[in-house]
Amino acid sequence: MDGAAGPGEDPTQEALQALSRRLRVQEEEMELVKAALAEALRLLRLQVPAAPLLGSSTPAPQRDSSAAPPGLPPTYSPSLVSRGTQTETEVEMEPSPRLPGLSNGPSAPQGGSEEPGGPQSEGGGSSGTSSPGTPGILRPVQIPQCADTPRRNSSSSSNPSERPRQKLSRKAASSANLLLRSGSTESRGGKDPLSSPGGPGSRRSNYNLEGISVKMFLRGRPITMYFPSGIRSLEELPSGPPPETLNLDWVYGYRGRDSRSNLFVLRSGEVVYFIACVVVLYWPGGGPGGPGGGSQRHYRGHTDCVRCLAVHPDGVRVASGQTAGVDKDGKPLQPVVHVWDSETLLKLQEIGLGAFERGVGALAFSFADQGAFLCVVDDSNEHMLSVWDCSRGTKLAEIKSTNDSVLAVGFSPRDSSCIVTSGKSHVHFWNWSGGTGVSGNGTLTRKQGVFGKYKKPKFIPCFVFLPDGDILTGDSEGNILTWGRSLSDSKPPGRGGAKETYGIVAQAHAHEGSIFALCLLRDGTVLSGGGRDRRLVQWGPGLVALQEAEIPEDFGAVRAIAEGPGSELLVGTTKNALLRGDLAQGFSPVIQGHTDELWGLCTHPSQNRFLTCGHDRQLCLWDGEAHALAWSIDLKETGLCADFHPSGAVVAVGLNTGRWLVLDTETREIVSDITDGNEQLSVVRYSPDGMYLAIGSHDNMIYIYSVSSDGAKSSRFGRCVGHSSFITHLDWSKDGNFIMSNSGDYEILYWDVAGGCKLLRNRYESRDREWATYTCVLGFHVYGVWPDGSDGTDINSLCRSHNERVVAVADDFCKVHLFQYPCARAKSPSRVYGGHGSHVTSVRFTHDDSHLVSLGGKDASIFQWRVQGAGGAGPAPATPSRTPSLSPASSLDV
């Protein structure tokens, strides 16, 4: 207050200033109350006749079909005067065919500023009285009273000090009427229509009425989502898991990049290998060197990534060892070995639960006694070597092997008491004695291989036993060393007898660079696979080279070799490909995959095809019918997102440098190359009619481009500016005019693209808008997918099916979820499917909803799931496998 004011004027001036401040606060709150009261009146009319509410027998005019679904009551425009508390509200209702502030269409242009950062998003509309809670918690219901309310400031007051207050009250009423004509609830301060922090000293609580909105909290930040007008209560929404289920149809990829002991052929002729948490049993299609195809079955009993395999001498039983991990609560998962039947896919024995550290690095069955024993080396610092009884699951012996990496282990086929391990700078020969069938009573003694005059290699990745008892080792120098038994120590074999010692008797330089694999063939010859030179060489007696072949550079180095029927060979490579063929005719791929973390995924609009990209800089188009790679190109940069044009003729790909490309899907030629900013792009999405392309960037902006009819040409149309963090997801409306977007700080914003890329400041108006796709992870229709205690990063991707019956979710805990749609009830139950060994980065339904595709992150795996049930494409076709597979490892997350 000015210091020149007289003493007699102080009380009046102070009162006027206080009332002026309160009026400003009330003006800001008035439009917030308007939306709440309008919805409250609509709810009241469900139980109270219209005449008493209106004070007239005149029937209320009905809203047009665009304003409310059939069967719902009209909305009335309240004129109100706030007295500073919730109970001091005067309501005058007049029928209105369409309430401007609650319009379902785009908001009218505002006279106020459209600058970014002014309005708050749904994720940013916080209240001063809000407190964090579990996702989906509903705020308390407060229904304003429509009966006569006593007025504190009566118009008959004779106190002179009350007159300024009366004038301000009338001014507040006038301002309220003006607010009713405003087309946007965000034009004054960006307030949330459901809550108001209030001004200094305000006692107003949150206006948050049942039937208007629901709030969830992520990292303590409130996110407000509005009910569509057709939903009166959350109880109307479906509950329970969906009737649809997922069956794992095909797994693309093979883990050859960083693992060994990962490729074998079973007695049935099936090829067994692993990727992520799944052991794949693949029945090849076509002849040697021919095309891929075939069929797959899957063992899915593991809870974390599989690291090694061993096949029993009977060719039926399989042992697979997994790494340690953590569950979604951060609790450690212990490594373990599963022994299972490859015909029935049933687990026969679980070995070593709690006995291993970090993971299982190598496995081997014994041969001399029909596979009665299993040798295991774990990944602890001491690389513990243990021997187990396969039938009982009991440990017979254990010893610390070495602090260096152990890469391979094996029993001598002539004598189960002889065990060999190799790895970093060592070959160890172990003698196992005593303790037959008695837990823990056996002993293991070690004799280290001596290289003598031969150069000691840095690594010995592989070895193989010859029929005469000698051992061949392949090392990082490209040499094959022959280790022979010492004659002076030769005695009849038998566990507990004299020790057999080995020494180097011959050396042959076989490859340039490391030797990654050795394989003994049925005819007694040996195959070696090179790393740097990518050669396969067949060796006869005396290490005489017989013939060789070179693996194409695109597939990488040789990782593993397995012998198929006849002269057929299976070769696993370091670029996660599985090749089939022979040395004479060459090799062709039957299984291919990515080699690094995956993020980009999109499905073809009319074919069962999908496209993937990731950190390996490869852009791959997959044929979901043939289960094969259609083509791939090198992007030279990391690809993070992609989307097909509705015609399917071109595809847009977003890169980590701000560049985005448009490629012709037939010729694979780049028809457009544009850069927007220098931040990575997280989402690209064509409008349903193909006229626009939206590019979501980490520079917080969405770039909009006009697209030609064939999709080949693009021109900048505008930018959507207003997010306060990087863009994570976006979707187009069915009419192609609007966009819904999410950002890294949990904002939900809506944009009028056709109207000039304007931010729709009244988010309430977008509650009934229909979306062509639903991939945004935040929104009323999907907020029930969020788990309790989520930190906002637990869900990486989400996709609604085209028939709008189910929604698939990819989470950070290696799981794929299937929910009913809409999923707008807290703690909604789901069907949960495992198999990925890393965070699941993306999920998408195919064009006809017959399949779902999911991407593993760092495990570089691609899973193709068949959707079965009410919303799927019908029952799965008959599988060519001879034995039934296990039902999918799904459970209800109730």
Foldseek 3Di string as FASTA:
>chain_A
DDPPDDPVCVVLVVVLVVLVVQLVLLLLLLLLVQVLQQVLVQVVCVPDPPCVLQVHPDDADEADCQQFPPPGGATWGWQWFDPQELQQIATHTDHDNHQLQQALDFFDDDPADQDFPQAFFLQAQDAPPDWADWFFDADDADRHDSDDGDHPLDPPDPDVSCVSVVVSRVVSSVSSVVSSPHNYSCRPRNHDSFAYNTDVPGPYGTRGHQQFWTWHAFPTTIGIFGAFNVDRHPVVDDFDAFQKDWDFWDWFFFAQQPAAQAWEAFPVQWIWGFFWQKIKTFRFDDDFQDAGFGGIFIQRPDDFGWHHKEAFPNRFKIKIKHFWDAFPVRHIAFIWIFIAGNFASDTQDIADGVNAPGIWQEKEFAAQVRRQKMWTFHDDQQRKIWIAGVNVRATQEIDRDHSFDWQYKYAQNNANQWIWIWWFQWIKIKGWADRVVNHHPIYIDIDTADQPPDDGAGTFNDKDAAPVGWIWTWGFQQKIWIWDWDPVQDDPHDRPDTDTDIYTDDMDRHDHGTWQEWDQDPVRWIWIWHAPQQKIFIADPPRDTDAMAHADPVQHTWHYWYQGPDQKIWTAHSQRFIWIHHRPPDIDTNHHFGNFFWAEKEAAQPARKMWTFAQSQKIWIAHPVSRGTPDIDRNVFGWHYKYAQNVNQWMWTWGQQQWIFIAGPPVRDTLDIDGDDGGGWAYWDAFNQRQWIWTFGQVQKIWIWGADNSRRDTDTQAMQHHGPGGWHDKFAFNVRQKMWTAGPSGGTWMFGVVVPRGTRSSCSSNNNTHTQWDWDCDHQQHSQVDATPHNSQQWQTKTADNVQFWMWTFGQRQKIWIRGTSRRHHPRKTKIAHDRNGGWHYWDAHNQNQWIWIAHTGSRMITIIGIDGDRHPYDDDDRPRPHDYDGTPIDISD
